[in-house]
C-alpha atoms as a PDB file:
ATOM      1  CA  UNK A   1     -67.099 -14.518 -54.886  1.00  0.00           C
ATOM      2  CA  UNK A   2     -63.635 -15.353 -56.185  1.00  0.00           C
ATOM      3  CA  UNK A   3     -60.468 -14.909 -54.176  1.00  0.00           C
ATOM      4  CA  UNK A   4     -59.121 -12.506 -56.801  1.00  0.00           C
ATOM      5  CA  UNK A   5     -62.122 -10.235 -56.380  1.00  0.00           C
ATOM      6  CA  UNK A   6     -61.589 -10.203 -52.627  1.00  0.00           C
ATOM      7  CA  UNK A   7     -58.123  -8.724 -53.001  1.00  0.00           C
ATOM      8  CA  UNK A   8     -57.740  -4.962 -52.933  1.00  0.00           C
ATOM      9  CA  UNK A   9     -56.493  -3.745 -56.300  1.00  0.00           C
ATOM     10  CA  UNK A  10     -53.683  -1.152 -56.608  1.00  0.00           C
ATOM     11  CA  UNK A  11     -56.106   1.499 -57.837  1.00  0.00           C
ATOM     12  CA  UNK A  12     -58.522   0.827 -54.963  1.00  0.00           C
ATOM     13  CA  UNK A  13     -55.721   1.053 -52.379  1.00  0.00           C
ATOM     14  CA  UNK A  14     -55.161   4.683 -53.313  1.00  0.00           C
ATOM     15  CA  UNK A  15     -58.728   5.737 -52.485  1.00  0.00           C
ATOM     16  CA  UNK A  16     -58.313   6.206 -48.730  1.00  0.00           C
ATOM     17  CA  UNK A  17     -55.002   8.011 -49.284  1.00  0.00           C
ATOM     18  CA  UNK A  18     -56.775  10.574 -51.474  1.00  0.00           C
ATOM     19  CA  UNK A  19     -59.258  11.178 -48.668  1.00  0.00           C
ATOM     20  CA  UNK A  20     -56.508  11.302 -46.024  1.00  0.00           C
ATOM     21  CA  UNK A  21     -54.780  14.218 -47.735  1.00  0.00           C
ATOM     22  CA  UNK A  22     -57.984  16.097 -48.557  1.00  0.00           C
ATOM     23  CA  UNK A  23     -59.867  15.653 -45.265  1.00  0.00           C
ATOM     24  CA  UNK A  24     -56.775  16.432 -43.175  1.00  0.00           C
ATOM     25  CA  UNK A  25     -56.336  19.744 -45.003  1.00  0.00           C
ATOM     26  CA  UNK A  26     -60.026  20.664 -44.641  1.00  0.00           C
ATOM     27  CA  UNK A  27     -59.946  20.017 -40.886  1.00  0.00           C
ATOM     28  CA  UNK A  28     -56.801  22.128 -40.573  1.00  0.00           C
ATOM     29  CA  UNK A  29     -58.573  25.017 -42.275  1.00  0.00           C
ATOM     30  CA  UNK A  30     -61.692  24.664 -40.128  1.00  0.00           C
ATOM     31  CA  UNK A  31     -59.825  24.538 -36.808  1.00  0.00           C
ATOM     32  CA  UNK A  32     -56.656  26.585 -37.380  1.00  0.00           C
ATOM     33  CA  UNK A  33     -57.701  29.125 -39.987  1.00  0.00           C
ATOM     34  CA  UNK A  34     -57.254  29.680 -43.706  1.00  0.00           C
ATOM     35  CA  UNK A  35     -53.722  31.041 -43.395  1.00  0.00           C
ATOM     36  CA  UNK A  36     -52.473  28.002 -41.486  1.00  0.00           C
ATOM     37  CA  UNK A  37     -54.191  25.677 -43.984  1.00  0.00           C
ATOM     38  CA  UNK A  38     -52.489  27.518 -46.835  1.00  0.00           C
ATOM     39  CA  UNK A  39     -49.063  27.434 -45.176  1.00  0.00           C
ATOM     40  CA  UNK A  40     -49.418  23.791 -44.156  1.00  0.00           C
ATOM     41  CA  UNK A  41     -50.348  23.001 -47.739  1.00  0.00           C
ATOM     42  CA  UNK A  42     -46.884  24.150 -48.767  1.00  0.00           C
ATOM     43  CA  UNK A  43     -44.972  22.816 -45.773  1.00  0.00           C
ATOM     44  CA  UNK A  44     -46.527  19.337 -46.090  1.00  0.00           C
ATOM     45  CA  UNK A  45     -44.621  18.530 -49.269  1.00  0.00           C
ATOM     46  CA  UNK A  46     -41.370  18.320 -47.283  1.00  0.00           C
ATOM     47  CA  UNK A  47     -42.642  18.081 -43.728  1.00  0.00           C
ATOM     48  CA  UNK A  48     -41.178  14.915 -42.225  1.00  0.00           C
ATOM     49  CA  UNK A  49     -38.274  16.641 -40.430  1.00  0.00           C
ATOM     50  CA  UNK A  50     -40.523  19.466 -39.219  1.00  0.00           C
ATOM     51  CA  UNK A  51     -42.967  16.881 -37.846  1.00  0.00           C
ATOM     52  CA  UNK A  52     -40.228  14.939 -36.036  1.00  0.00           C
ATOM     53  CA  UNK A  53     -38.728  18.090 -34.480  1.00  0.00           C
ATOM     54  CA  UNK A  54     -42.158  19.220 -33.342  1.00  0.00           C
ATOM     55  CA  UNK A  55     -42.887  15.732 -31.994  1.00  0.00           C
ATOM     56  CA  UNK A  56     -39.739  15.697 -29.864  1.00  0.00           C
ATOM     57  CA  UNK A  57     -40.650  19.145 -28.560  1.00  0.00           C
ATOM     58  CA  UNK A  58     -44.149  17.887 -27.732  1.00  0.00           C
ATOM     59  CA  UNK A  59     -42.695  14.952 -25.809  1.00  0.00           C
ATOM     60  CA  UNK A  60     -40.395  17.271 -23.897  1.00  0.00           C
ATOM     61  CA  UNK A  61     -43.287  19.576 -23.148  1.00  0.00           C
ATOM     62  CA  UNK A  62     -45.515  16.713 -21.976  1.00  0.00           C
ATOM     63  CA  UNK A  63     -43.013  15.393 -19.432  1.00  0.00           C
ATOM     64  CA  UNK A  64     -41.533  18.706 -18.245  1.00  0.00           C
ATOM     65  CA  UNK A  65     -42.670  20.204 -14.967  1.00  0.00           C
ATOM     66  CA  UNK A  66     -43.834  23.363 -16.714  1.00  0.00           C
ATOM     67  CA  UNK A  67     -44.567  24.425 -20.246  1.00  0.00           C
ATOM     68  CA  UNK A  68     -41.343  25.365 -22.019  1.00  0.00           C
ATOM     69  CA  UNK A  69     -41.357  27.339 -25.254  1.00  0.00           C
ATOM     70  CA  UNK A  70     -39.149  26.358 -28.159  1.00  0.00           C
ATOM     71  CA  UNK A  71     -37.530  29.765 -27.828  1.00  0.00           C
ATOM     72  CA  UNK A  72     -37.723  32.088 -24.883  1.00  0.00           C
ATOM     73  CA  UNK A  73     -39.230  34.940 -26.899  1.00  0.00           C
ATOM     74  CA  UNK A  74     -41.579  32.935 -29.100  1.00  0.00           C
ATOM     75  CA  UNK A  75     -44.807  33.782 -27.225  1.00  0.00           C
ATOM     76  CA  UNK A  76     -47.235  35.063 -29.886  1.00  0.00           C
ATOM     77  CA  UNK A  77     -48.467  38.609 -29.593  1.00  0.00           C
ATOM     78  CA  UNK A  78     -52.227  39.100 -29.319  1.00  0.00           C
ATOM     79  CA  UNK A  79     -54.205  41.940 -30.835  1.00  0.00           C
ATOM     80  CA  UNK A  80     -54.002  44.249 -27.814  1.00  0.00           C
ATOM     81  CA  UNK A  81     -50.268  43.604 -27.521  1.00  0.00           C
ATOM     82  CA  UNK A  82     -49.782  44.476 -31.195  1.00  0.00           C
ATOM     83  CA  UNK A  83     -51.543  47.813 -30.719  1.00  0.00           C
ATOM     84  CA  UNK A  84     -49.486  48.535 -27.592  1.00  0.00           C
ATOM     85  CA  UNK A  85     -46.228  47.749 -29.397  1.00  0.00           C
ATOM     86  CA  UNK A  86     -47.228  50.015 -32.279  1.00  0.00           C
ATOM     87  CA  UNK A  87     -48.030  52.882 -29.907  1.00  0.00           C
ATOM     88  CA  UNK A  88     -44.730  52.378 -28.071  1.00  0.00           C
ATOM     89  CA  UNK A  89     -42.846  52.255 -31.364  1.00  0.00           C
ATOM     90  CA  UNK A  90     -44.383  55.572 -32.467  1.00  0.00           C
ATOM     91  CA  UNK A  91     -43.700  57.145 -29.085  1.00  0.00           C
ATOM     92  CA  UNK A  92     -40.133  55.917 -28.830  1.00  0.00           C
ATOM     93  CA  UNK A  93     -39.550  56.757 -32.476  1.00  0.00           C
ATOM     94  CA  UNK A  94     -40.570  60.357 -31.874  1.00  0.00           C
ATOM     95  CA  UNK A  95     -38.291  60.555 -28.842  1.00  0.00           C
ATOM     96  CA  UNK A  96     -35.513  58.923 -30.802  1.00  0.00           C
ATOM     97  CA  UNK A  97     -35.624  61.628 -33.480  1.00  0.00           C
ATOM     98  CA  UNK A  98     -35.039  64.268 -30.812  1.00  0.00           C
ATOM     99  CA  UNK A  99     -32.034  62.352 -29.478  1.00  0.00           C
ATOM    100  CA  UNK A 100     -30.675  61.424 -32.887  1.00  0.00           C
ATOM    101  CA  UNK A 101     -31.937  57.812 -32.686  1.00  0.00           C
ATOM    102  CA  UNK A 102     -33.526  56.035 -35.719  1.00  0.00           C
ATOM    103  CA  UNK A 103     -37.289  55.747 -35.628  1.00  0.00           C
ATOM    104  CA  UNK A 104     -37.180  51.961 -35.887  1.00  0.00           C
ATOM    105  CA  UNK A 105     -34.864  51.601 -32.880  1.00  0.00           C
ATOM    106  CA  UNK A 106     -37.624  50.149 -30.725  1.00  0.00           C
ATOM    107  CA  UNK A 107     -38.448  47.598 -33.426  1.00  0.00           C
ATOM    108  CA  UNK A 108     -34.768  46.657 -33.608  1.00  0.00           C
ATOM    109  CA  UNK A 109     -34.764  45.956 -29.873  1.00  0.00           C
ATOM    110  CA  UNK A 110     -37.681  43.523 -30.166  1.00  0.00           C
ATOM    111  CA  UNK A 111     -36.799  39.803 -30.287  1.00  0.00           C
ATOM    112  CA  UNK A 112     -36.662  38.527 -33.862  1.00  0.00           C
ATOM    113  CA  UNK A 113     -39.560  36.095 -33.536  1.00  0.00           C
ATOM    114  CA  UNK A 114     -41.742  38.761 -31.922  1.00  0.00           C
ATOM    115  CA  UNK A 115     -40.869  41.190 -34.724  1.00  0.00           C
ATOM    116  CA  UNK A 116     -41.852  38.598 -37.324  1.00  0.00           C
ATOM    117  CA  UNK A 117     -45.094  37.718 -35.587  1.00  0.00           C
ATOM    118  CA  UNK A 118     -45.881  41.413 -35.107  1.00  0.00           C
ATOM    119  CA  UNK A 119     -45.522  41.901 -38.847  1.00  0.00           C
ATOM    120  CA  UNK A 120     -47.501  38.719 -39.557  1.00  0.00           C
ATOM    121  CA  UNK A 121     -50.419  39.841 -37.427  1.00  0.00           C
ATOM    122  CA  UNK A 122     -50.466  43.344 -38.892  1.00  0.00           C
ATOM    123  CA  UNK A 123     -50.042  42.430 -42.561  1.00  0.00           C
ATOM    124  CA  UNK A 124     -52.647  39.690 -42.856  1.00  0.00           C
ATOM    125  CA  UNK A 125     -56.317  40.625 -42.617  1.00  0.00           C
ATOM    126  CA  UNK A 126     -57.988  39.430 -39.394  1.00  0.00           C
ATOM    127  CA  UNK A 127     -54.917  37.304 -38.637  1.00  0.00           C
ATOM    128  CA  UNK A 128     -54.983  37.395 -34.850  1.00  0.00           C
ATOM    129  CA  UNK A 129     -54.218  34.371 -32.741  1.00  0.00           C
ATOM    130  CA  UNK A 130     -57.018  31.883 -32.048  1.00  0.00           C
ATOM    131  CA  UNK A 131     -57.113  31.491 -28.271  1.00  0.00           C
ATOM    132  CA  UNK A 132     -60.599  30.075 -27.862  1.00  0.00           C
ATOM    133  CA  UNK A 133     -61.339  26.521 -26.762  1.00  0.00           C
ATOM    134  CA  UNK A 134     -64.200  25.471 -29.025  1.00  0.00           C
ATOM    135  CA  UNK A 135     -66.208  22.356 -29.825  1.00  0.00           C
ATOM    136  CA  UNK A 136     -64.854  22.467 -33.371  1.00  0.00           C
ATOM    137  CA  UNK A 137     -61.335  22.609 -31.962  1.00  0.00           C
ATOM    138  CA  UNK A 138     -61.985  19.524 -29.840  1.00  0.00           C
ATOM    139  CA  UNK A 139     -63.363  17.685 -32.882  1.00  0.00           C
ATOM    140  CA  UNK A 140     -60.255  18.605 -34.859  1.00  0.00           C
ATOM    141  CA  UNK A 141     -57.990  17.432 -32.034  1.00  0.00           C
ATOM    142  CA  UNK A 142     -59.851  14.122 -31.733  1.00  0.00           C
ATOM    143  CA  UNK A 143     -59.396  13.577 -35.464  1.00  0.00           C
ATOM    144  CA  UNK A 144     -55.693  14.399 -35.596  1.00  0.00           C
ATOM    145  CA  UNK A 145     -54.533  13.076 -32.204  1.00  0.00           C
ATOM    146  CA  UNK A 146     -56.823  10.065 -31.619  1.00  0.00           C
ATOM    147  CA  UNK A 147     -58.573   8.906 -34.788  1.00  0.00           C
ATOM    148  CA  UNK A 148     -55.858   9.517 -37.375  1.00  0.00           C
ATOM    149  CA  UNK A 149     -52.981   7.640 -35.632  1.00  0.00           C
ATOM    150  CA  UNK A 150     -55.199   4.571 -35.136  1.00  0.00           C
ATOM    151  CA  UNK A 151     -56.253   4.537 -38.799  1.00  0.00           C
ATOM    152  CA  UNK A 152     -52.666   5.004 -40.002  1.00  0.00           C
ATOM    153  CA  UNK A 153     -51.475   2.065 -37.902  1.00  0.00           C
ATOM    154  CA  UNK A 154     -54.233  -0.119 -39.344  1.00  0.00           C
ATOM    155  CA  UNK A 155     -53.374   1.041 -42.864  1.00  0.00           C
ATOM    156  CA  UNK A 156     -49.719   0.124 -42.347  1.00  0.00           C
ATOM    157  CA  UNK A 157     -50.702  -3.310 -41.045  1.00  0.00           C
ATOM    158  CA  UNK A 158     -52.751  -3.913 -44.192  1.00  0.00           C
ATOM    159  CA  UNK A 159     -50.536  -2.233 -46.813  1.00  0.00           C
ATOM    160  CA  UNK A 160     -46.910  -2.314 -45.632  1.00  0.00           C
ATOM    161  CA  UNK A 161     -46.005  -5.109 -48.045  1.00  0.00           C
ATOM    162  CA  UNK A 162     -48.980  -4.915 -50.433  1.00  0.00           C
ATOM    163  CA  UNK A 163     -48.934  -1.226 -51.392  1.00  0.00           C
ATOM    164  CA  UNK A 164     -46.686   0.014 -54.180  1.00  0.00           C
ATOM    165  CA  UNK A 165     -43.698   2.267 -53.582  1.00  0.00           C
ATOM    166  CA  UNK A 166     -45.337   5.388 -55.041  1.00  0.00           C
ATOM    167  CA  UNK A 167     -48.443   4.816 -52.905  1.00  0.00           C
ATOM    168  CA  UNK A 168     -46.290   4.613 -49.760  1.00  0.00           C
ATOM    169  CA  UNK A 169     -44.666   7.919 -50.706  1.00  0.00           C
ATOM    170  CA  UNK A 170     -47.970   9.725 -51.182  1.00  0.00           C
ATOM    171  CA  UNK A 171     -49.376   8.134 -48.016  1.00  0.00           C
ATOM    172  CA  UNK A 172     -46.456   9.658 -46.120  1.00  0.00           C
ATOM    173  CA  UNK A 173     -47.479  13.021 -47.576  1.00  0.00           C
ATOM    174  CA  UNK A 174     -51.070  12.459 -46.440  1.00  0.00           C
ATOM    175  CA  UNK A 175     -50.008  11.616 -42.885  1.00  0.00           C
ATOM    176  CA  UNK A 176     -47.815  14.704 -42.637  1.00  0.00           C
ATOM    177  CA  UNK A 177     -50.831  16.976 -43.151  1.00  0.00           C
ATOM    178  CA  UNK A 178     -52.551  15.765 -39.982  1.00  0.00           C
ATOM    179  CA  UNK A 179     -49.267  15.507 -38.085  1.00  0.00           C
ATOM    180  CA  UNK A 180     -48.418  19.139 -38.840  1.00  0.00           C
ATOM    181  CA  UNK A 181     -51.584  20.255 -37.073  1.00  0.00           C
ATOM    182  CA  UNK A 182     -50.276  18.657 -33.877  1.00  0.00           C
ATOM    183  CA  UNK A 183     -46.790  20.163 -34.022  1.00  0.00           C
ATOM    184  CA  UNK A 184     -47.605  23.725 -35.150  1.00  0.00           C
ATOM    185  CA  UNK A 185     -50.364  24.312 -32.588  1.00  0.00           C
ATOM    186  CA  UNK A 186     -49.396  23.012 -29.126  1.00  0.00           C
ATOM    187  CA  UNK A 187     -53.033  23.103 -27.898  1.00  0.00           C
ATOM    188  CA  UNK A 188     -51.750  24.241 -24.505  1.00  0.00           C
ATOM    189  CA  UNK A 189     -54.997  26.139 -23.940  1.00  0.00           C
ATOM    190  CA  UNK A 190     -56.962  22.881 -24.232  1.00  0.00           C
ATOM    191  CA  UNK A 191     -54.729  21.157 -21.696  1.00  0.00           C
ATOM    192  CA  UNK A 192     -55.120  24.127 -19.332  1.00  0.00           C
ATOM    193  CA  UNK A 193     -58.894  23.926 -19.705  1.00  0.00           C
ATOM    194  CA  UNK A 194     -58.803  20.296 -18.586  1.00  0.00           C
ATOM    195  CA  UNK A 195     -56.532  21.123 -15.660  1.00  0.00           C
ATOM    196  CA  UNK A 196     -59.053  23.687 -14.399  1.00  0.00           C
ATOM    197  CA  UNK A 197     -61.764  21.046 -14.044  1.00  0.00           C
ATOM    198  CA  UNK A 198     -62.976  20.519 -10.491  1.00  0.00           C
ATOM    199  CA  UNK A 199     -62.614  16.728 -10.598  1.00  0.00           C
ATOM    200  CA  UNK A 200     -59.837  14.846 -12.368  1.00  0.00           C
ATOM    201  CA  UNK A 201     -58.226  17.974 -13.731  1.00  0.00           C
ATOM    202  CA  UNK A 202     -54.586  17.023 -13.157  1.00  0.00           C
ATOM    203  CA  UNK A 203     -54.832  13.465 -14.578  1.00  0.00           C
ATOM    204  CA  UNK A 204     -56.760  14.775 -17.582  1.00  0.00           C
ATOM    205  CA  UNK A 205     -54.103  17.457 -18.131  1.00  0.00           C
ATOM    206  CA  UNK A 206     -51.294  14.891 -18.086  1.00  0.00           C
ATOM    207  CA  UNK A 207     -53.234  12.444 -20.277  1.00  0.00           C
ATOM    208  CA  UNK A 208     -53.979  15.133 -22.862  1.00  0.00           C
ATOM    209  CA  UNK A 209     -50.313  16.137 -23.138  1.00  0.00           C
ATOM    210  CA  UNK A 210     -49.146  12.528 -23.401  1.00  0.00           C
ATOM    211  CA  UNK A 211     -51.721  11.674 -26.086  1.00  0.00           C
ATOM    212  CA  UNK A 212     -50.887  14.831 -28.027  1.00  0.00           C
ATOM    213  CA  UNK A 213     -47.147  14.191 -27.885  1.00  0.00           C
ATOM    214  CA  UNK A 214     -47.427  10.453 -28.495  1.00  0.00           C
ATOM    215  CA  UNK A 215     -49.642  10.953 -31.539  1.00  0.00           C
ATOM    216  CA  UNK A 216     -47.333  13.566 -33.014  1.00  0.00           C
ATOM    217  CA  UNK A 217     -44.284  11.374 -32.462  1.00  0.00           C
ATOM    218  CA  UNK A 218     -46.023   8.241 -33.754  1.00  0.00           C
ATOM    219  CA  UNK A 219     -47.249   9.874 -36.946  1.00  0.00           C
ATOM    220  CA  UNK A 220     -43.834  11.443 -37.500  1.00  0.00           C
ATOM    221  CA  UNK A 221     -42.215   8.003 -37.288  1.00  0.00           C
ATOM    222  CA  UNK A 222     -44.843   6.488 -39.612  1.00  0.00           C
ATOM    223  CA  UNK A 223     -44.361   9.305 -42.106  1.00  0.00           C
ATOM    224  CA  UNK A 224     -40.586   8.794 -42.129  1.00  0.00           C
ATOM    225  CA  UNK A 225     -40.933   5.000 -42.376  1.00  0.00           C
ATOM    226  CA  UNK A 226     -43.306   5.262 -45.346  1.00  0.00           C
ATOM    227  CA  UNK A 227     -41.020   7.659 -47.184  1.00  0.00           C
ATOM    228  CA  UNK A 228     -37.986   5.428 -46.650  1.00  0.00           C
ATOM    229  CA  UNK A 229     -39.828   2.214 -47.586  1.00  0.00           C
ATOM    230  CA  UNK A 230     -41.436   3.918 -50.576  1.00  0.00           C
ATOM    231  CA  UNK A 231     -38.048   5.162 -51.810  1.00  0.00           C
ATOM    232  CA  UNK A 232     -36.582   1.663 -51.467  1.00  0.00           C
ATOM    233  CA  UNK A 233     -39.523  -0.012 -53.216  1.00  0.00           C
ATOM    234  CA  UNK A 234     -39.423   2.548 -56.016  1.00  0.00           C
ATOM    235  CA  UNK A 235     -35.623   2.115 -56.384  1.00  0.00           C
ATOM    236  CA  UNK A 236     -34.959   5.846 -56.360  1.00  0.00           C
ATOM    237  CA  UNK A 237     -31.475   6.896 -57.405  1.00  0.00           C
ATOM    238  CA  UNK A 238     -29.108   7.886 -54.587  1.00  0.00           C
ATOM    239  CA  UNK A 239     -28.623  11.382 -55.984  1.00  0.00           C
ATOM    240  CA  UNK A 240     -32.394  11.893 -56.005  1.00  0.00           C
ATOM    241  CA  UNK A 241     -32.474  11.014 -52.314  1.00  0.00           C
ATOM    242  CA  UNK A 242     -29.590  13.426 -51.612  1.00  0.00           C
ATOM    243  CA  UNK A 243     -31.357  16.262 -53.435  1.00  0.00           C
ATOM    244  CA  UNK A 244     -34.500  15.524 -51.426  1.00  0.00           C
ATOM    245  CA  UNK A 245     -32.548  15.675 -48.140  1.00  0.00           C
ATOM    246  CA  UNK A 246     -30.977  19.036 -49.042  1.00  0.00           C
ATOM    247  CA  UNK A 247     -34.346  20.561 -49.903  1.00  0.00           C
ATOM    248  CA  UNK A 248     -35.811  18.964 -46.760  1.00  0.00           C
ATOM    249  CA  UNK A 249     -33.339  20.856 -44.541  1.00  0.00           C
ATOM    250  CA  UNK A 250     -33.976  24.155 -46.330  1.00  0.00           C
ATOM    251  CA  UNK A 251     -37.752  23.654 -46.329  1.00  0.00           C
ATOM    252  CA  UNK A 252     -37.782  22.804 -42.612  1.00  0.00           C
ATOM    253  CA  UNK A 253     -35.750  25.863 -41.625  1.00  0.00           C
ATOM    254  CA  UNK A 254     -37.987  28.102 -43.733  1.00  0.00           C
ATOM    255  CA  UNK A 255     -41.145  26.571 -42.250  1.00  0.00           C
ATOM    256  CA  UNK A 256     -40.148  27.575 -38.704  1.00  0.00           C
ATOM    257  CA  UNK A 257     -39.678  31.138 -39.928  1.00  0.00           C
ATOM    258  CA  UNK A 258     -43.068  31.271 -41.632  1.00  0.00           C
ATOM    259  CA  UNK A 259     -45.086  29.255 -39.085  1.00  0.00           C
ATOM    260  CA  UNK A 260     -43.391  28.893 -35.655  1.00  0.00           C
ATOM    261  CA  UNK A 261     -44.624  26.592 -32.922  1.00  0.00           C
ATOM    262  CA  UNK A 262     -47.334  28.434 -31.013  1.00  0.00           C
ATOM    263  CA  UNK A 263     -50.426  27.901 -28.902  1.00  0.00           C
ATOM    264  CA  UNK A 264     -53.176  28.698 -31.394  1.00  0.00           C
ATOM    265  CA  UNK A 265     -54.052  29.017 -35.024  1.00  0.00           C
ATOM    266  CA  UNK A 266     -54.513  32.242 -36.984  1.00  0.00           C
ATOM    267  CA  UNK A 267     -58.030  33.538 -37.531  1.00  0.00           C
ATOM    268  CA  UNK A 268     -59.244  33.829 -41.084  1.00  0.00           C
ATOM    269  CA  UNK A 269     -62.316  35.365 -42.671  1.00  0.00           C
ATOM    270  CA  UNK A 270     -64.840  32.937 -41.210  1.00  0.00           C
ATOM    271  CA  UNK A 271     -65.529  29.239 -41.111  1.00  0.00           C
ATOM    272  CA  UNK A 272     -66.660  29.039 -44.755  1.00  0.00           C
ATOM    273  CA  UNK A 273     -63.545  30.756 -46.091  1.00  0.00           C
ATOM    274  CA  UNK A 274     -61.324  28.668 -43.800  1.00  0.00           C
ATOM    275  CA  UNK A 275     -62.888  25.397 -44.973  1.00  0.00           C
ATOM    276  CA  UNK A 276     -62.682  26.461 -48.616  1.00  0.00           C
ATOM    277  CA  UNK A 277     -58.987  27.261 -48.235  1.00  0.00           C
ATOM    278  CA  UNK A 278     -58.438  23.889 -46.588  1.00  0.00           C
ATOM    279  CA  UNK A 279     -60.269  22.209 -49.472  1.00  0.00           C
ATOM    280  CA  UNK A 280     -58.255  24.207 -52.011  1.00  0.00           C
ATOM    281  CA  UNK A 281     -54.968  23.097 -50.456  1.00  0.00           C
ATOM    282  CA  UNK A 282     -56.327  19.576 -50.025  1.00  0.00           C
ATOM    283  CA  UNK A 283     -56.980  19.218 -53.761  1.00  0.00           C
ATOM    284  CA  UNK A 284     -53.309  19.794 -54.534  1.00  0.00           C
ATOM    285  CA  UNK A 285     -52.145  17.559 -51.688  1.00  0.00           C
ATOM    286  CA  UNK A 286     -54.451  14.746 -52.799  1.00  0.00           C
ATOM    287  CA  UNK A 287     -53.382  15.050 -56.449  1.00  0.00           C
ATOM    288  CA  UNK A 288     -50.370  12.657 -56.166  1.00  0.00           C
ATOM    289  CA  UNK A 289     -52.554   9.901 -54.690  1.00  0.00           C
ATOM    290  CA  UNK A 290     -55.137  10.493 -57.409  1.00  0.00           C
ATOM    291  CA  UNK A 291     -52.372  10.193 -60.015  1.00  0.00           C
ATOM    292  CA  UNK A 292     -51.297   6.855 -58.503  1.00  0.00           C
ATOM    293  CA  UNK A 293     -54.895   5.618 -58.827  1.00  0.00           C
ATOM    294  CA  UNK A 294     -55.154   6.746 -62.451  1.00  0.00           C
ATOM    295  CA  UNK A 295     -51.829   5.147 -63.408  1.00  0.00           C
ATOM    296  CA  UNK A 296     -52.965   1.845 -61.916  1.00  0.00           C
ATOM    297  CA  UNK A 297     -56.044   1.925 -64.160  1.00  0.00           C
ATOM    298  CA  UNK A 298     -54.099   2.121 -67.425  1.00  0.00           C
ATOM    299  CA  UNK A 299     -54.646  -0.711 -69.898  1.00  0.00           C
ATOM    300  CA  UNK A 300     -51.923  -3.366 -69.820  1.00  0.00           C
ATOM    301  CA  UNK A 301     -50.745  -5.672 -72.597  1.00  0.00           C
ATOM    302  CA  UNK A 302     -51.417  -9.359 -71.943  1.00  0.00           C
ATOM    303  CA  UNK A 303     -51.025 -12.469 -74.147  1.00  0.00           C
ATOM    304  CA  UNK A 304     -54.707 -12.098 -75.035  1.00  0.00           C
ATOM    305  CA  UNK A 305     -54.439  -8.417 -75.934  1.00  0.00           C
ATOM    306  CA  UNK A 306     -54.947  -5.228 -73.962  1.00  0.00           C
ATOM    307  CA  UNK A 307     -56.602  -5.592 -70.554  1.00  0.00           C
ATOM    308  CA  UNK A 308     -58.304  -2.633 -68.909  1.00  0.00           C
ATOM    309  CA  UNK A 309     -58.508  -2.881 -65.088  1.00  0.00           C
ATOM    310  CA  UNK A 310     -61.631  -1.866 -63.221  1.00  0.00           C
ATOM    311  CA  UNK A 311     -61.788   1.692 -61.965  1.00  0.00           C
ATOM    312  CA  UNK A 312     -60.717   2.339 -58.418  1.00  0.00           C
ATOM    313  CA  UNK A 313     -64.274   2.829 -57.176  1.00  0.00           C
ATOM    314  CA  UNK A 314     -65.656  -0.212 -59.005  1.00  0.00           C
ATOM    315  CA  UNK A 315     -62.948  -2.544 -57.693  1.00  0.00           C
ATOM    316  CA  UNK A 316     -63.403  -1.048 -54.220  1.00  0.00           C
ATOM    317  CA  UNK A 317     -67.121  -1.853 -54.312  1.00  0.00           C
ATOM    318  CA  UNK A 318     -66.348  -5.469 -55.189  1.00  0.00           C
ATOM    319  CA  UNK A 319     -63.851  -5.665 -52.347  1.00  0.00           C
ATOM    320  CA  UNK A 320     -66.308  -4.276 -49.807  1.00  0.00           C
ATOM    321  CA  UNK A 321     -68.946  -6.831 -50.831  1.00  0.00           C
ATOM    322  CA  UNK A 322     -66.672  -9.761 -49.909  1.00  0.00           C
ATOM    323  CA  UNK A 323     -67.791 -11.611 -46.782  1.00  0.00           C
ATOM    324  CA  UNK A 324     -64.306 -13.039 -46.205  1.00  0.00           C
ATOM    325  CA  UNK A 325     -62.736  -9.600 -45.718  1.00  0.00           C
ATOM    326  CA  UNK A 326     -62.468  -8.456 -42.105  1.00  0.00           C
ATOM    327  CA  UNK A 327     -64.383  -5.376 -41.008  1.00  0.00           C
ATOM    328  CA  UNK A 328     -61.206  -3.477 -40.054  1.00  0.00           C
ATOM    329  CA  UNK A 329     -59.746  -4.126 -43.510  1.00  0.00           C
ATOM    330  CA  UNK A 330     -62.847  -2.679 -45.154  1.00  0.00           C
ATOM    331  CA  UNK A 331     -62.671   0.277 -42.781  1.00  0.00           C
ATOM    332  CA  UNK A 332     -59.053   1.012 -43.722  1.00  0.00           C
ATOM    333  CA  UNK A 333     -59.881   0.766 -47.431  1.00  0.00           C
ATOM    334  CA  UNK A 334     -62.431   3.594 -47.406  1.00  0.00           C
ATOM    335  CA  UNK A 335     -61.811   5.892 -44.410  1.00  0.00           C
ATOM    336  CA  UNK A 336     -59.114   8.575 -44.318  1.00  0.00           C
END
């Protein structure tokens, strides 16, 4: 087989990036709930700063003597706590009327983040915090914290100089989807479960926190590096970069208001609905990578006339059939 055939074409390089965005969103829906998948689908478009802030917090949490919340009053309220707060609000509101106090005085005295989360849990159907430690949750954590960072490092080793600027930009978007799952849900309950083991609990607890924090920080750095390198390779105008940075700050601040750092996802309507929401968001997140693939397949004018490149899948099949290509390179070309 010729050397040219054994080179990964631009349209084939985009294939794994399409899967990275889609699969990451589906796993988020399956493990964190439909609401989190929907919110992450919006946050991911401008998520690099949110990921880096969450990664630094994860590192601080991993090496601190005790778990420290991002804000003192950011502990999510569970279903029984919501009902208790509502009963207290009604009771205090009734007393407040007798003493000339507004009925929402008790609500005003609640910390802001608790008030928001109280409203979030009441207004969304079945949106109570996911506290359970499940097999599906472990599978999701293994994908986002162990598998995904390794694959992204291998992809960078293969494509840092070979991939186009637009592909680097959309790859950064794909990485941010998995990284967000690590920085929005601290998985403290999983670490505590390991610590309660009879043998090796403490080392397992420390190892879990370090892996979780290291993966979040590593993917945040890779996401930022890809966006910067992609912008340079694409020769984006300086004012375009400035506009992006302004929206990035606004988007990040808004994301903490909508989806604060917490230990747990938000329950949806069941596993099927959660997965479907993740797939729905994943289609939109994978669309830029799909567009890069389609643009690379456009006919080009050559001295001999118009030349139509092979489709992404056809050129990928030729690449995978090459004996001279290393196994890890083939792996990176097809797996998310």
